[in-house]
């Protein structure tokens, strides 16, 4: 089984956010630090659809999980 390798830019595009490198860096800088006790998908800056996508992908350990984990780390 082949897994898809997603990039941070792909993730931001999937979430409906500006996805160029500068926009990703601005998003991370403006939303960090995220408190350690808050799950990434529960952060207040996500829409309901974004929250659902992030939660589902992490729970299912789907193709997006590694890049979501990377985003989680960068927001801490």
Protein backbone atom coordinates (compact mmCIF):
# COMPACT_ATOMS: atom_id res chain seq x y z
CA UNK A 1 0.00 0.00 0.00
CA UNK A 2 1.44 3.33 -1.04
CA UNK A 3 0.86 6.35 1.19
CA UNK A 4 0.61 9.89 -0.07
CA UNK A 5 3.19 12.33 1.27
CA UNK A 6 1.58 15.69 1.87
CA UNK A 7 3.33 19.01 2.41
CA UNK A 8 2.46 21.84 4.74
CA UNK A 9 1.35 23.88 1.72
CA UNK A 10 -0.94 21.03 0.63
CA UNK A 11 -2.44 20.89 4.13
CA UNK A 12 -3.16 24.61 4.19
CA UNK A 13 -4.76 24.40 0.74
CA UNK A 14 -6.86 21.44 1.94
CA UNK A 15 -7.98 23.56 4.91
CA UNK A 16 -8.95 26.40 2.56
CA UNK A 17 -6.19 28.69 3.82
CA UNK A 18 -3.55 30.63 1.90
CA UNK A 19 -0.91 28.02 1.22
CA UNK A 20 2.22 29.76 -0.03
CA UNK A 21 5.26 29.47 2.26
CA UNK A 22 5.00 33.05 3.56
CA UNK A 23 1.30 32.65 4.40
CA UNK A 24 1.96 29.38 6.24
CA UNK A 25 4.71 31.03 8.29
CA UNK A 26 2.46 34.02 9.09
CA UNK A 27 -0.35 31.71 10.20
CA UNK A 28 1.95 29.77 12.50
CA UNK A 29 3.54 32.91 13.94
CA UNK A 30 0.16 34.51 14.62
CA UNK A 31 -1.37 31.43 16.29
CA UNK A 32 1.45 30.21 18.47
CA UNK A 33 2.00 29.24 21.13
CA UNK A 34 -0.91 26.84 21.39
CA UNK A 35 -1.31 25.65 24.97
CA UNK A 36 -0.10 22.08 25.50
CA UNK A 37 -3.43 21.01 27.04
CA UNK A 38 -5.40 21.87 23.88
CA UNK A 39 -5.63 19.31 21.10
CA UNK A 40 -4.73 20.86 17.76
CA UNK A 41 -8.20 20.30 16.30
CA UNK A 42 -9.77 22.06 19.33
CA UNK A 43 -7.84 25.29 18.81
CA UNK A 44 -10.23 28.25 18.60
CA UNK A 45 -8.95 29.50 15.24
CA UNK A 46 -10.33 26.60 13.16
CA UNK A 47 -13.72 26.57 11.46
CA UNK A 48 -16.04 23.64 12.16
CA UNK A 49 -15.10 22.00 8.84
CA UNK A 50 -11.36 22.46 9.45
CA UNK A 51 -11.73 21.08 12.97
CA UNK A 52 -13.60 18.00 11.72
CA UNK A 53 -11.00 17.33 9.02
CA UNK A 54 -8.05 17.61 11.41
CA UNK A 55 -9.70 15.42 14.04
CA UNK A 56 -10.69 12.71 11.56
CA UNK A 57 -7.28 12.56 9.90
CA UNK A 58 -5.45 12.25 13.23
CA UNK A 59 -7.84 9.68 14.69
CA UNK A 60 -7.63 7.53 11.57
CA UNK A 61 -3.85 8.02 11.29
CA UNK A 62 -4.58 8.86 7.65
CA UNK A 63 -2.27 10.18 4.94
CA UNK A 64 -2.43 13.69 6.36
CA UNK A 65 -1.45 12.66 9.91
CA UNK A 66 2.30 13.27 9.63
CA UNK A 67 1.98 16.80 8.27
CA UNK A 68 -0.77 17.57 10.82
CA UNK A 69 1.62 16.38 13.54
CA UNK A 70 4.28 18.67 12.08
CA UNK A 71 1.87 21.62 12.21
CA UNK A 72 0.94 20.71 15.78
CA UNK A 73 4.60 20.77 16.79
CA UNK A 74 5.25 24.08 15.06
CA UNK A 75 2.29 25.68 16.83
CA UNK A 76 3.54 24.65 20.31
